[in-house]
Structures are given as C-alpha cells and as structure tokens.
C-alpha cells in the first residue's frame, strides 16, 4: 500500500500583529486539544511589502527550488542563469519571510503552493 503525497501550502496574509496572534492562539489551542497542527502562515504588514517580496523573479526562484532543490546559492544562480548577487539578495529576502529554508547551505521550498489572502476590511 502506498501513501498518497499530501499537498502542502503556505498561507500568505497581509495583516497586523493582532491577526498573527489570533492565528497563533488558534493553532496553540487546537494542539492543546490533541489535534495535529501543521500549518505555515506568513504575514506581511502591508501589501507593498508582500508584492515586493513575492516579485515574479522571486516566485520563479521559489518554483525552481521547489522542483529541483539547490545545493547552494551559487548553484542556484547558475541554474537559473541569473547574477549571483541578485539571487543572493532574493534568497535572503525569501528566507527572512520564511518561504525559503536553508539546511546548512542547501536550499529548499517545501510548499506545493502559496495561498495569498488580502483583507479589504
């Protein structure tokens, strides 16, 4: 019997610290009740920062790393045929946001999709 691969998504939000706290408290309470909680939320404080962080070039970089992985930033820059310095800056921004993970020098993007949410009210 084979186990079906679970899809994973990172939830992207534009919100404030109160929103972040509410999501954290909800997850904490569910875990305290014995529920398995395995979710990733990334909150940007404004839309401009979210759009700058998730630029088309950075999304392309995330897709490549998700599909192929990368031993290090230099290999990634070579693979996607971009300047090392620019890729290094993109990697740093995506790491800071929590969307790109590093184990030593190896890079990974473990999510199948990013689901963005922008509140209008």
PDB file of N, CA and C in Angstrom:
ATOM      1  N   UNK A   1       0.848  -1.173   0.000  1.00  0.00           N
ATOM      2  CA  UNK A   1       0.000   0.000   0.000  1.00  0.00           C
ATOM      3  C   UNK A   1       0.891   1.233   0.000  1.00  0.00           C
ATOM      4  N   UNK A   2       0.633   2.168  -0.917  1.00  0.00           N
ATOM      5  CA  UNK A   2       1.429   3.385  -0.969  1.00  0.00           C
ATOM      6  C   UNK A   2       0.676   4.520  -0.312  1.00  0.00           C
ATOM      7  N   UNK A   3       1.419   5.381   0.268  1.00  0.00           N
ATOM      8  CA  UNK A   3       0.833   6.529   0.941  1.00  0.00           C
ATOM      9  C   UNK A   3       0.738   7.677  -0.059  1.00  0.00           C
ATOM     10  N   UNK A   4      -0.433   8.292  -0.161  1.00  0.00           N
ATOM     11  CA  UNK A   4      -0.619   9.417  -1.069  1.00  0.00           C
ATOM     12  C   UNK A   4       0.162  10.619  -0.555  1.00  0.00           C
ATOM     13  N   UNK A   5       0.781  11.342  -1.476  1.00  0.00           N
ATOM     14  CA  UNK A   5       1.529  12.527  -1.111  1.00  0.00           C
ATOM     15  C   UNK A   5       0.569  13.628  -0.693  1.00  0.00           C
ATOM     16  N   UNK A   6       0.832  14.223   0.455  1.00  0.00           N
ATOM     17  CA  UNK A   6      -0.011  15.310   0.925  1.00  0.00           C
ATOM     18  C   UNK A   6       0.452  16.615   0.295  1.00  0.00           C
ATOM     19  N   UNK A   7      -0.506  17.384  -0.144  1.00  0.00           N
ATOM     20  CA  UNK A   7      -0.205  18.703  -0.667  1.00  0.00           C
ATOM     21  C   UNK A   7       0.051  19.634   0.505  1.00  0.00           C
ATOM     22  N   UNK A   8       1.011  20.515   0.338  1.00  0.00           N
ATOM     23  CA  UNK A   8       1.288  21.472   1.394  1.00  0.00           C
ATOM     24  C   UNK A   8       1.205  22.878   0.828  1.00  0.00           C
ATOM     25  N   UNK A   9       0.715  23.772   1.651  1.00  0.00           N
ATOM     26  CA  UNK A   9       0.575  25.160   1.226  1.00  0.00           C
ATOM     27  C   UNK A   9       1.030  26.073   2.353  1.00  0.00           C
ATOM     28  N   UNK A  10       1.671  27.144   1.986  1.00  0.00           N
ATOM     29  CA  UNK A  10       1.980  28.211   2.930  1.00  0.00           C
ATOM     30  C   UNK A  10       0.910  29.273   2.744  1.00  0.00           C
ATOM     31  N   UNK A  11       0.326  29.701   3.836  1.00  0.00           N
ATOM     32  CA  UNK A  11      -0.718  30.721   3.810  1.00  0.00           C
ATOM     33  C   UNK A  11      -0.050  32.091   3.934  1.00  0.00           C
ATOM     34  N   UNK A  12      -0.273  32.953   2.949  1.00  0.00           N
ATOM     35  CA  UNK A  12       0.316  34.287   2.935  1.00  0.00           C
ATOM     36  C   UNK A  12      -0.771  35.297   3.262  1.00  0.00           C
ATOM     37  N   UNK A  13      -0.505  36.163   4.232  1.00  0.00           N
ATOM     38  CA  UNK A  13      -1.503  37.134   4.676  1.00  0.00           C
ATOM     39  C   UNK A  13      -0.928  38.548   4.661  1.00  0.00           C
ATOM     40  N   UNK A  14      -1.796  39.504   4.463  1.00  0.00           N
ATOM     41  CA  UNK A  14      -1.486  40.898   4.754  1.00  0.00           C
ATOM     42  C   UNK A  14      -2.324  41.225   5.973  1.00  0.00           C
ATOM     43  N   UNK A  15      -1.675  41.597   7.047  1.00  0.00           N
ATOM     44  CA  UNK A  15      -2.414  41.836   8.279  1.00  0.00           C
ATOM     45  C   UNK A  15      -1.556  42.549   9.295  1.00  0.00           C
ATOM     46  N   UNK A  16      -1.961  42.438  10.542  1.00  0.00           N
ATOM     47  CA  UNK A  16      -1.227  43.112  11.609  1.00  0.00           C
ATOM     48  C   UNK A  16      -0.831  42.108  12.688  1.00  0.00           C
ATOM     49  N   UNK A  17      -0.186  42.598  13.726  1.00  0.00           N
ATOM     50  CA  UNK A  17       0.284  41.719  14.794  1.00  0.00           C
ATOM     51  C   UNK A  17      -0.863  41.015  15.507  1.00  0.00           C
ATOM     52  N   UNK A  18      -2.002  41.671  15.608  1.00  0.00           N
ATOM     53  CA  UNK A  18      -3.170  41.052  16.244  1.00  0.00           C
ATOM     54  C   UNK A  18      -3.638  39.841  15.429  1.00  0.00           C
ATOM     55  N   UNK A  19      -3.666  39.983  14.102  1.00  0.00           N
ATOM     56  CA  UNK A  19      -4.035  38.857  13.237  1.00  0.00           C
ATOM     57  C   UNK A  19      -3.083  37.684  13.444  1.00  0.00           C
ATOM     58  N   UNK A  20      -1.792  37.990  13.505  1.00  0.00           N
ATOM     59  CA  UNK A  20      -0.797  36.935  13.707  1.00  0.00           C
ATOM     60  C   UNK A  20      -1.031  36.242  15.044  1.00  0.00           C
ATOM     61  N   UNK A  21      -1.283  37.028  16.073  1.00  0.00           N
ATOM     62  CA  UNK A  21      -1.528  36.472  17.402  1.00  0.00           C
ATOM     63  C   UNK A  21      -2.762  35.588  17.440  1.00  0.00           C
ATOM     64  N   UNK A  22      -3.797  35.992  16.741  1.00  0.00           N
ATOM     65  CA  UNK A  22      -5.033  35.203  16.680  1.00  0.00           C
ATOM     66  C   UNK A  22      -4.778  33.843  16.035  1.00  0.00           C
ATOM     67  N   UNK A  23      -4.035  33.831  14.922  1.00  0.00           N
ATOM     68  CA  UNK A  23      -3.726  32.560  14.260  1.00  0.00           C
ATOM     69  C   UNK A  23      -2.860  31.679  15.167  1.00  0.00           C
ATOM     70  N   UNK A  24      -1.896  32.287  15.848  1.00  0.00           N
ATOM     71  CA  UNK A  24      -1.032  31.526  16.747  1.00  0.00           C
ATOM     72  C   UNK A  24      -1.849  30.919  17.883  1.00  0.00           C
ATOM     73  N   UNK A  25      -2.712  31.707  18.503  1.00  0.00           N
ATOM     74  CA  UNK A  25      -3.529  31.222  19.622  1.00  0.00           C
ATOM     75  C   UNK A  25      -4.455  30.094  19.163  1.00  0.00           C
ATOM     76  N   UNK A  26      -5.013  30.227  17.989  1.00  0.00           N
ATOM     77  CA  UNK A  26      -5.884  29.180  17.454  1.00  0.00           C
ATOM     78  C   UNK A  26      -5.122  27.867  17.284  1.00  0.00           C
ATOM     79  N   UNK A  27      -3.943  27.952  16.692  1.00  0.00           N
ATOM     80  CA  UNK A  27      -3.125  26.745  16.494  1.00  0.00           C
ATOM     81  C   UNK A  27      -2.724  26.154  17.843  1.00  0.00           C
ATOM     82  N   UNK A  28      -2.355  26.993  18.779  1.00  0.00           N
ATOM     83  CA  UNK A  28      -1.945  26.536  20.109  1.00  0.00           C
ATOM     84  C   UNK A  28      -3.102  25.807  20.794  1.00  0.00           C
ATOM     85  N   UNK A  29      -4.286  26.383  20.739  1.00  0.00           N
ATOM     86  CA  UNK A  29      -5.458  25.771  21.381  1.00  0.00           C
ATOM     87  C   UNK A  29      -5.826  24.442  20.733  1.00  0.00           C
ATOM     88  N   UNK A  30      -5.737  24.368  19.411  1.00  0.00           N
ATOM     89  CA  UNK A  30      -6.028  23.104  18.733  1.00  0.00           C
ATOM     90  C   UNK A  30      -4.999  22.041  19.104  1.00  0.00           C
ATOM     91  N   UNK A  31      -3.737  22.435  19.191  1.00  0.00           N
ATOM     92  CA  UNK A  31      -2.691  21.479  19.581  1.00  0.00           C
ATOM     93  C   UNK A  31      -2.898  21.015  21.027  1.00  0.00           C
ATOM     94  N   UNK A  32      -3.310  21.923  21.884  1.00  0.00           N
ATOM     95  CA  UNK A  32      -3.563  21.574  23.287  1.00  0.00           C
ATOM     96  C   UNK A  32      -4.702  20.570  23.417  1.00  0.00           C
ATOM     97  N   UNK A  33      -5.629  20.568  22.457  1.00  0.00           N
ATOM     98  CA  UNK A  33      -6.737  19.610  22.448  1.00  0.00           C
ATOM     99  C   UNK A  33      -6.341  18.286  21.805  1.00  0.00           C
ATOM    100  N   UNK A  34      -5.086  18.193  21.381  1.00  0.00           N
ATOM    101  CA  UNK A  34      -4.610  16.945  20.790  1.00  0.00           C
ATOM    102  C   UNK A  34      -4.670  16.896  19.280  1.00  0.00           C
ATOM    103  N   UNK A  35      -5.116  17.964  18.641  1.00  0.00           N
ATOM    104  CA  UNK A  35      -5.153  17.987  17.177  1.00  0.00           C
ATOM    105  C   UNK A  35      -3.730  18.146  16.635  1.00  0.00           C
ATOM    106  N   UNK A  36      -3.506  17.530  15.501  1.00  0.00           N
ATOM    107  CA  UNK A  36      -2.214  17.710  14.824  1.00  0.00           C
ATOM    108  C   UNK A  36      -2.279  19.028  14.062  1.00  0.00           C
ATOM    109  N   UNK A  37      -1.369  19.912  14.351  1.00  0.00           N
ATOM    110  CA  UNK A  37      -1.339  21.224  13.706  1.00  0.00           C
ATOM    111  C   UNK A  37      -0.048  21.319  12.909  1.00  0.00           C
ATOM    112  N   UNK A  38      -0.197  21.402  11.604  1.00  0.00           N
ATOM    113  CA  UNK A  38       0.960  21.518  10.719  1.00  0.00           C
ATOM    114  C   UNK A  38       0.612  22.526   9.634  1.00  0.00           C
ATOM    115  N   UNK A  39       0.809  23.787   9.953  1.00  0.00           N
ATOM    116  CA  UNK A  39       0.462  24.838   9.013  1.00  0.00           C
ATOM    117  C   UNK A  39       1.533  25.919   9.041  1.00  0.00           C
ATOM    118  N   UNK A  40       1.680  26.577   7.917  1.00  0.00           N
ATOM    119  CA  UNK A  40       2.644  27.657   7.807  1.00  0.00           C
ATOM    120  C   UNK A  40       1.903  28.921   7.405  1.00  0.00           C
ATOM    121  N   UNK A  41       2.083  29.964   8.180  1.00  0.00           N
ATOM    122  CA  UNK A  41       1.491  31.263   7.892  1.00  0.00           C
ATOM    123  C   UNK A  41       2.610  32.292   7.824  1.00  0.00           C
ATOM    124  N   UNK A  42       2.571  33.120   6.806  1.00  0.00           N
ATOM    125  CA  UNK A  42       3.499  34.229   6.664  1.00  0.00           C
ATOM    126  C   UNK A  42       2.652  35.482   6.565  1.00  0.00           C
ATOM    127  N   UNK A  43       2.917  36.439   7.438  1.00  0.00           N
ATOM    128  CA  UNK A  43       2.131  37.675   7.451  1.00  0.00           C
ATOM    129  C   UNK A  43       3.010  38.863   7.100  1.00  0.00           C
ATOM    130  N   UNK A  44       2.567  39.621   6.130  1.00  0.00           N
ATOM    131  CA  UNK A  44       3.209  40.878   5.769  1.00  0.00           C
ATOM    132  C   UNK A  44       2.351  41.996   6.341  1.00  0.00           C
ATOM    133  N   UNK A  45       2.980  43.041   6.822  1.00  0.00           N
ATOM    134  CA  UNK A  45       2.236  44.122   7.451  1.00  0.00           C
ATOM    135  C   UNK A  45       1.577  45.049   6.442  1.00  0.00           C
ATOM    136  N   UNK A  46       2.017  44.982   5.168  1.00  0.00           N
ATOM    137  CA  UNK A  46       1.357  45.779   4.137  1.00  0.00           C
ATOM    138  C   UNK A  46       1.494  45.095   2.782  1.00  0.00           C
ATOM    139  N   UNK A  47       0.596  45.463   1.886  1.00  0.00           N
ATOM    140  CA  UNK A  47       0.540  44.849   0.566  1.00  0.00           C
ATOM    141  C   UNK A  47       1.815  45.123  -0.242  1.00  0.00           C
ATOM    142  N   UNK A  48       2.342  46.316  -0.113  1.00  0.00           N
ATOM    143  CA  UNK A  48       3.541  46.683  -0.873  1.00  0.00           C
ATOM    144  C   UNK A  48       4.709  45.760  -0.544  1.00  0.00           C
ATOM    145  N   UNK A  49       4.897  45.448   0.729  1.00  0.00           N
ATOM    146  CA  UNK A  49       5.987  44.561   1.145  1.00  0.00           C
ATOM    147  C   UNK A  49       5.761  43.148   0.622  1.00  0.00           C
ATOM    148  N   UNK A  50       4.510  42.687   0.676  1.00  0.00           N
ATOM    149  CA  UNK A  50       4.206  41.358   0.149  1.00  0.00           C
ATOM    150  C   UNK A  50       4.524  41.279  -1.344  1.00  0.00           C
ATOM    151  N   UNK A  51       4.079  42.274  -2.104  1.00  0.00           N
ATOM    152  CA  UNK A  51       4.308  42.261  -3.548  1.00  0.00           C
ATOM    153  C   UNK A  51       5.787  42.390  -3.890  1.00  0.00           C
ATOM    154  N   UNK A  52       6.524  43.172  -3.118  1.00  0.00           N
ATOM    155  CA  UNK A  52       7.970  43.298  -3.353  1.00  0.00           C
ATOM    156  C   UNK A  52       8.681  41.987  -3.042  1.00  0.00           C
ATOM    157  N   UNK A  53       8.276  41.332  -1.967  1.00  0.00           N
ATOM    158  CA  UNK A  53       8.906  40.068  -1.573  1.00  0.00           C
ATOM    159  C   UNK A  53       8.564  38.956  -2.549  1.00  0.00           C
ATOM    160  N   UNK A  54       7.337  38.957  -3.042  1.00  0.00           N
ATOM    161  CA  UNK A  54       6.885  37.902  -3.955  1.00  0.00           C
ATOM    162  C   UNK A  54       6.891  38.392  -5.408  1.00  0.00           C
ATOM    163  N   UNK A  55       7.969  39.018  -5.790  1.00  0.00           N
ATOM    164  CA  UNK A  55       8.105  39.509  -7.168  1.00  0.00           C
ATOM    165  C   UNK A  55       8.122  38.326  -8.136  1.00  0.00           C
ATOM    166  N   UNK A  56       7.857  38.566  -9.402  1.00  0.00           N
ATOM    167  CA  UNK A  56       7.907  37.470 -10.377  1.00  0.00           C
ATOM    168  C   UNK A  56       9.242  36.712 -10.383  1.00  0.00           C
ATOM    169  N   UNK A  57      10.353  37.405 -10.256  1.00  0.00           N
ATOM    170  CA  UNK A  57      11.664  36.736 -10.246  1.00  0.00           C
ATOM    171  C   UNK A  57      11.824  35.850  -9.012  1.00  0.00           C
ATOM    172  N   UNK A  58      11.339  36.320  -7.882  1.00  0.00           N
ATOM    173  CA  UNK A  58      11.442  35.529  -6.651  1.00  0.00           C
ATOM    174  C   UNK A  58      10.507  34.328  -6.679  1.00  0.00           C
ATOM    175  N   UNK A  59       9.328  34.504  -7.270  1.00  0.00           N
ATOM    176  CA  UNK A  59       8.423  33.360  -7.420  1.00  0.00           C
ATOM    177  C   UNK A  59       9.033  32.322  -8.361  1.00  0.00           C
ATOM    178  N   UNK A  60       9.681  32.775  -9.406  1.00  0.00           N
ATOM    179  CA  UNK A  60      10.378  31.870 -10.321  1.00  0.00           C
ATOM    180  C   UNK A  60      11.471  31.107  -9.575  1.00  0.00           C
ATOM    181  N   UNK A  61      12.208  31.804  -8.729  1.00  0.00           N
ATOM    182  CA  UNK A  61      13.251  31.179  -7.924  1.00  0.00           C
ATOM    183  C   UNK A  61      12.652  30.129  -6.987  1.00  0.00           C
ATOM    184  N   UNK A  62      11.551  30.469  -6.318  1.00  0.00           N
ATOM    185  CA  UNK A  62      10.882  29.506  -5.427  1.00  0.00           C
ATOM    186  C   UNK A  62      10.422  28.261  -6.186  1.00  0.00           C
ATOM    187  N   UNK A  63       9.836  28.471  -7.355  1.00  0.00           N
ATOM    188  CA  UNK A  63       9.385  27.328  -8.167  1.00  0.00           C
ATOM    189  C   UNK A  63      10.553  26.424  -8.529  1.00  0.00           C
ATOM    190  N   UNK A  64      11.667  27.030  -8.948  1.00  0.00           N
ATOM    191  CA  UNK A  64      12.827  26.236  -9.327  1.00  0.00           C
ATOM    192  C   UNK A  64      13.335  25.430  -8.135  1.00  0.00           C
ATOM    193  N   UNK A  65      13.474  26.071  -6.995  1.00  0.00           N
ATOM    194  CA  UNK A  65      13.978  25.375  -5.801  1.00  0.00           C
ATOM    195  C   UNK A  65      12.995  24.290  -5.380  1.00  0.00           C
ATOM    196  N   UNK A  66      11.703  24.543  -5.463  1.00  0.00           N
ATOM    197  CA  UNK A  66      10.695  23.530  -5.120  1.00  0.00           C
ATOM    198  C   UNK A  66      10.851  22.297  -6.004  1.00  0.00           C
ATOM    199  N   UNK A  67      11.074  22.516  -7.296  1.00  0.00           N
ATOM    200  CA  UNK A  67      11.144  21.409  -8.242  1.00  0.00           C
ATOM    201  C   UNK A  67      12.498  20.706  -8.258  1.00  0.00           C
ATOM    202  N   UNK A  68      13.571  21.476  -8.077  1.00  0.00           N
ATOM    203  CA  UNK A  68      14.906  20.914  -8.275  1.00  0.00           C
ATOM    204  C   UNK A  68      15.803  20.946  -7.036  1.00  0.00           C
ATOM    205  N   UNK A  69      15.457  21.765  -6.061  1.00  0.00           N
ATOM    206  CA  UNK A  69      16.351  21.958  -4.933  1.00  0.00           C
ATOM    207  C   UNK A  69      17.570  22.747  -5.380  1.00  0.00           C
ATOM    208  N   UNK A  70      18.445  23.068  -4.436  1.00  0.00           N
ATOM    209  CA  UNK A  70      19.688  23.769  -4.752  1.00  0.00           C
ATOM    210  C   UNK A  70      20.680  23.507  -3.640  1.00  0.00           C
ATOM    211  N   UNK A  71      21.888  23.097  -4.020  1.00  0.00           N
ATOM    212  CA  UNK A  71      22.930  22.812  -3.028  1.00  0.00           C
ATOM    213  C   UNK A  71      23.412  24.079  -2.332  1.00  0.00           C
ATOM    214  N   UNK A  72      23.359  25.200  -3.061  1.00  0.00           N
ATOM    215  CA  UNK A  72      23.782  26.481  -2.503  1.00  0.00           C
ATOM    216  C   UNK A  72      23.336  27.600  -3.433  1.00  0.00           C
ATOM    217  N   UNK A  73      23.566  28.829  -3.009  1.00  0.00           N
ATOM    218  CA  UNK A  73      23.116  29.989  -3.785  1.00  0.00           C
ATOM    219  C   UNK A  73      23.849  30.064  -5.123  1.00  0.00           C
ATOM    220  N   UNK A  74      25.126  29.780  -5.135  1.00  0.00           N
ATOM    221  CA  UNK A  74      25.887  29.853  -6.387  1.00  0.00           C
ATOM    222  C   UNK A  74      25.335  28.871  -7.420  1.00  0.00           C
ATOM    223  N   UNK A  75      25.068  27.636  -7.001  1.00  0.00           N
ATOM    224  CA  UNK A  75      24.488  26.656  -7.922  1.00  0.00           C
ATOM    225  C   UNK A  75      23.124  27.122  -8.420  1.00  0.00           C
ATOM    226  N   UNK A  76      22.332  27.708  -7.532  1.00  0.00           N
ATOM    227  CA  UNK A  76      21.020  28.207  -7.911  1.00  0.00           C
ATOM    228  C   UNK A  76      21.147  29.313  -8.961  1.00  0.00           C
ATOM    229  N   UNK A  77      22.028  30.258  -8.727  1.00  0.00           N
ATOM    230  CA  UNK A  77      22.223  31.364  -9.680  1.00  0.00           C
ATOM    231  C   UNK A  77      22.639  30.828 -11.046  1.00  0.00           C
ATOM    232  N   UNK A  78      23.538  29.869 -11.060  1.00  0.00           N
ATOM    233  CA  UNK A  78      23.982  29.276 -12.322  1.00  0.00           C
ATOM    234  C   UNK A  78      22.827  28.548 -13.003  1.00  0.00           C
ATOM    235  N   UNK A  79      22.068  27.793 -12.246  1.00  0.00           N
ATOM    236  CA  UNK A  79      20.964  27.001 -12.801  1.00  0.00           C
ATOM    237  C   UNK A  79      19.880  27.859 -13.437  1.00  0.00           C
ATOM    238  N   UNK A  80      19.576  28.996 -12.811  1.00  0.00           N
ATOM    239  CA  UNK A  80      18.510  29.847 -13.352  1.00  0.00           C
ATOM    240  C   UNK A  80      19.077  30.991 -14.201  1.00  0.00           C
ATOM    241  N   UNK A  81      20.379  30.946 -14.415  1.00  0.00           N
ATOM    242  CA  UNK A  81      21.073  31.901 -15.291  1.00  0.00           C
ATOM    243  C   UNK A  81      20.824  33.352 -14.883  1.00  0.00           C
ATOM    244  N   UNK A  82      21.078  33.603 -13.605  1.00  0.00           N
ATOM    245  CA  UNK A  82      20.954  34.966 -13.076  1.00  0.00           C
ATOM    246  C   UNK A  82      22.217  35.332 -12.333  1.00  0.00           C
ATOM    247  N   UNK A  83      22.410  36.618 -12.139  1.00  0.00           N
ATOM    248  CA  UNK A  83      23.565  37.151 -11.428  1.00  0.00           C
ATOM    249  C   UNK A  83      23.567  36.665  -9.971  1.00  0.00           C
ATOM    250  N   UNK A  84      24.724  36.213  -9.503  1.00  0.00           N
ATOM    251  CA  UNK A  84      24.851  35.681  -8.139  1.00  0.00           C
ATOM    252  C   UNK A  84      24.374  36.690  -7.096  1.00  0.00           C
ATOM    253  N   UNK A  85      24.815  37.941  -7.210  1.00  0.00           N
ATOM    254  CA  UNK A  85      24.477  38.962  -6.213  1.00  0.00           C
ATOM    255  C   UNK A  85      22.961  39.141  -6.109  1.00  0.00           C
ATOM    256  N   UNK A  86      22.272  39.200  -7.249  1.00  0.00           N
ATOM    257  CA  UNK A  86      20.816  39.368  -7.237  1.00  0.00           C
ATOM    258  C   UNK A  86      20.111  38.143  -6.657  1.00  0.00           C
ATOM    259  N   UNK A  87      20.579  36.951  -7.010  1.00  0.00           N
ATOM    260  CA  UNK A  87      19.992  35.729  -6.463  1.00  0.00           C
ATOM    261  C   UNK A  87      20.226  35.674  -4.964  1.00  0.00           C
ATOM    262  N   UNK A  88      21.420  36.059  -4.515  1.00  0.00           N
ATOM    263  CA  UNK A  88      21.728  36.080  -3.082  1.00  0.00           C
ATOM    264  C   UNK A  88      20.760  37.002  -2.340  1.00  0.00           C
ATOM    265  N   UNK A  89      20.488  38.185  -2.904  1.00  0.00           N
ATOM    266  CA  UNK A  89      19.536  39.120  -2.285  1.00  0.00           C
ATOM    267  C   UNK A  89      18.130  38.524  -2.256  1.00  0.00           C
ATOM    268  N   UNK A  90      17.730  37.878  -3.342  1.00  0.00           N
ATOM    269  CA  UNK A  90      16.403  37.256  -3.393  1.00  0.00           C
ATOM    270  C   UNK A  90      16.284  36.131  -2.374  1.00  0.00           C
ATOM    271  N   UNK A  91      17.312  35.313  -2.279  1.00  0.00           N
ATOM    272  CA  UNK A  91      17.317  34.220  -1.302  1.00  0.00           C
ATOM    273  C   UNK A  91      17.200  34.787   0.108  1.00  0.00           C
ATOM    274  N   UNK A  92      17.951  35.829   0.408  1.00  0.00           N
ATOM    275  CA  UNK A  92      17.899  36.439   1.744  1.00  0.00           C
ATOM    276  C   UNK A  92      16.499  36.957   2.061  1.00  0.00           C
ATOM    277  N   UNK A  93      15.858  37.618   1.101  1.00  0.00           N
ATOM    278  CA  UNK A  93      14.509  38.150   1.327  1.00  0.00           C
ATOM    279  C   UNK A  93      13.500  37.026   1.546  1.00  0.00           C
ATOM    280  N   UNK A  94      13.606  35.961   0.750  1.00  0.00           N
ATOM    281  CA  UNK A  94      12.672  34.841   0.878  1.00  0.00           C
ATOM    282  C   UNK A  94      12.929  34.043   2.159  1.00  0.00           C
ATOM    283  N   UNK A  95      14.180  33.960   2.572  1.00  0.00           N
ATOM    284  CA  UNK A  95      14.497  33.310   3.857  1.00  0.00           C
ATOM    285  C   UNK A  95      13.931  34.117   5.013  1.00  0.00           C
ATOM    286  N   UNK A  96      14.112  35.424   4.970  1.00  0.00           N
ATOM    287  CA  UNK A  96      13.602  36.300   6.028  1.00  0.00           C
ATOM    288  C   UNK A  96      12.092  36.163   6.161  1.00  0.00           C
ATOM    289  N   UNK A  97      11.404  36.032   5.032  1.00  0.00           N
ATOM    290  CA  UNK A  97       9.949  35.865   5.050  1.00  0.00           C
ATOM    291  C   UNK A  97       9.534  34.474   5.503  1.00  0.00           C
ATOM    292  N   UNK A  98      10.470  33.521   5.511  1.00  0.00           N
ATOM    293  CA  UNK A  98      10.142  32.157   5.914  1.00  0.00           C
ATOM    294  C   UNK A  98       9.649  31.288   4.772  1.00  0.00           C
ATOM    295  N   UNK A  99       9.851  31.732   3.536  1.00  0.00           N
ATOM    296  CA  UNK A  99       9.365  30.978   2.377  1.00  0.00           C
ATOM    297  C   UNK A  99      10.431  30.114   1.729  1.00  0.00           C
ATOM    298  N   UNK A 100      11.666  30.358   2.058  1.00  0.00           N
ATOM    299  CA  UNK A 100      12.784  29.565   1.557  1.00  0.00           C
ATOM    300  C   UNK A 100      13.558  29.102   2.779  1.00  0.00           C
ATOM    301  N   UNK A 101      13.836  27.814   2.858  1.00  0.00           N
ATOM    302  CA  UNK A 101      14.504  27.257   4.027  1.00  0.00           C
ATOM    303  C   UNK A 101      15.925  26.846   3.668  1.00  0.00           C
ATOM    304  N   UNK A 102      16.788  26.891   4.663  1.00  0.00           N
ATOM    305  CA  UNK A 102      18.178  26.531   4.451  1.00  0.00           C
ATOM    306  C   UNK A 102      18.583  25.508   5.504  1.00  0.00           C
ATOM    307  N   UNK A 103      19.235  24.452   5.040  1.00  0.00           N
ATOM    308  CA  UNK A 103      19.815  23.440   5.914  1.00  0.00           C
ATOM    309  C   UNK A 103      21.295  23.430   5.581  1.00  0.00           C
ATOM    310  N   UNK A 104      22.091  24.104   6.403  1.00  0.00           N
ATOM    311  CA  UNK A 104      23.480  24.331   6.043  1.00  0.00           C
ATOM    312  C   UNK A 104      23.492  25.311   4.885  1.00  0.00           C
ATOM    313  N   UNK A 105      23.985  24.856   3.731  1.00  0.00           N
ATOM    314  CA  UNK A 105      23.975  25.709   2.531  1.00  0.00           C
ATOM    315  C   UNK A 105      22.853  25.318   1.572  1.00  0.00           C
ATOM    316  N   UNK A 106      22.265  24.136   1.791  1.00  0.00           N
ATOM    317  CA  UNK A 106      21.227  23.610   0.902  1.00  0.00           C
ATOM    318  C   UNK A 106      19.929  24.386   1.084  1.00  0.00           C
ATOM    319  N   UNK A 107      19.288  24.714  -0.040  1.00  0.00           N
ATOM    320  CA  UNK A 107      18.049  25.486  -0.033  1.00  0.00           C
ATOM    321  C   UNK A 107      16.858  24.595  -0.378  1.00  0.00           C
ATOM    322  N   UNK A 108      15.718  24.877   0.258  1.00  0.00           N
ATOM    323  CA  UNK A 108      14.504  24.136  -0.082  1.00  0.00           C
ATOM    324  C   UNK A 108      13.295  25.058   0.033  1.00  0.00           C
ATOM    325  N   UNK A 109      12.287  24.726  -0.738  1.00  0.00           N
ATOM    326  CA  UNK A 109      10.992  25.401  -0.705  1.00  0.00           C
ATOM    327  C   UNK A 109       9.957  24.281  -0.600  1.00  0.00           C
ATOM    328  N   UNK A 110       9.576  23.893   0.602  1.00  0.00           N
ATOM    329  CA  UNK A 110       8.802  22.669   0.797  1.00  0.00           C
ATOM    330  C   UNK A 110       7.310  22.754   0.489  1.00  0.00           C
ATOM    331  N   UNK A 111       6.830  23.897   0.025  1.00  0.00           N
ATOM    332  CA  UNK A 111       5.393  24.020  -0.207  1.00  0.00           C
ATOM    333  C   UNK A 111       5.051  23.794  -1.666  1.00  0.00           C
ATOM    334  N   UNK A 112       3.912  23.145  -1.891  1.00  0.00           N
ATOM    335  CA  UNK A 112       3.415  22.945  -3.244  1.00  0.00           C
ATOM    336  C   UNK A 112       2.790  24.220  -3.791  1.00  0.00           C
ATOM    337  N   UNK A 113       2.286  25.047  -2.890  1.00  0.00           N
ATOM    338  CA  UNK A 113       1.656  26.286  -3.337  1.00  0.00           C
ATOM    339  C   UNK A 113       1.703  27.340  -2.238  1.00  0.00           C
ATOM    340  N   UNK A 114       1.557  28.581  -2.673  1.00  0.00           N
ATOM    341  CA  UNK A 114       1.391  29.709  -1.761  1.00  0.00           C
ATOM    342  C   UNK A 114      -0.031  30.207  -1.953  1.00  0.00           C
ATOM    343  N   UNK A 115      -0.754  30.366  -0.857  1.00  0.00           N
ATOM    344  CA  UNK A 115      -2.131  30.839  -0.929  1.00  0.00           C
ATOM    345  C   UNK A 115      -2.188  32.210  -0.258  1.00  0.00           C
ATOM    346  N   UNK A 116      -2.401  33.243  -1.074  1.00  0.00           N
ATOM    347  CA  UNK A 116      -2.381  34.605  -0.577  1.00  0.00           C
ATOM    348  C   UNK A 116      -3.780  35.096  -0.205  1.00  0.00           C
ATOM    349  N   UNK A 117      -3.818  35.880   0.849  1.00  0.00           N
ATOM    350  CA  UNK A 117      -5.076  36.442   1.321  1.00  0.00           C
ATOM    351  C   UNK A 117      -4.837  37.907   1.682  1.00  0.00           C
ATOM    352  N   UNK A 118      -5.658  38.780   1.120  1.00  0.00           N
ATOM    353  CA  UNK A 118      -5.569  40.200   1.416  1.00  0.00           C
ATOM    354  C   UNK A 118      -6.946  40.674   1.882  1.00  0.00           C
ATOM    355  N   UNK A 119      -7.030  41.115   3.126  1.00  0.00           N
ATOM    356  CA  UNK A 119      -8.307  41.593   3.659  1.00  0.00           C
ATOM    357  C   UNK A 119      -8.600  42.992   3.149  1.00  0.00           C
ATOM    358  N   UNK A 120      -9.834  43.245   2.798  1.00  0.00           N
ATOM    359  CA  UNK A 120     -10.246  44.561   2.327  1.00  0.00           C
ATOM    360  C   UNK A 120     -10.953  45.362   3.417  1.00  0.00           C
ATOM    361  N   UNK A 121     -11.308  44.694   4.490  1.00  0.00           N
ATOM    362  CA  UNK A 121     -11.997  45.392   5.586  1.00  0.00           C
ATOM    363  C   UNK A 121     -11.274  45.166   6.883  1.00  0.00           C
TER     364      UNK A 121
END
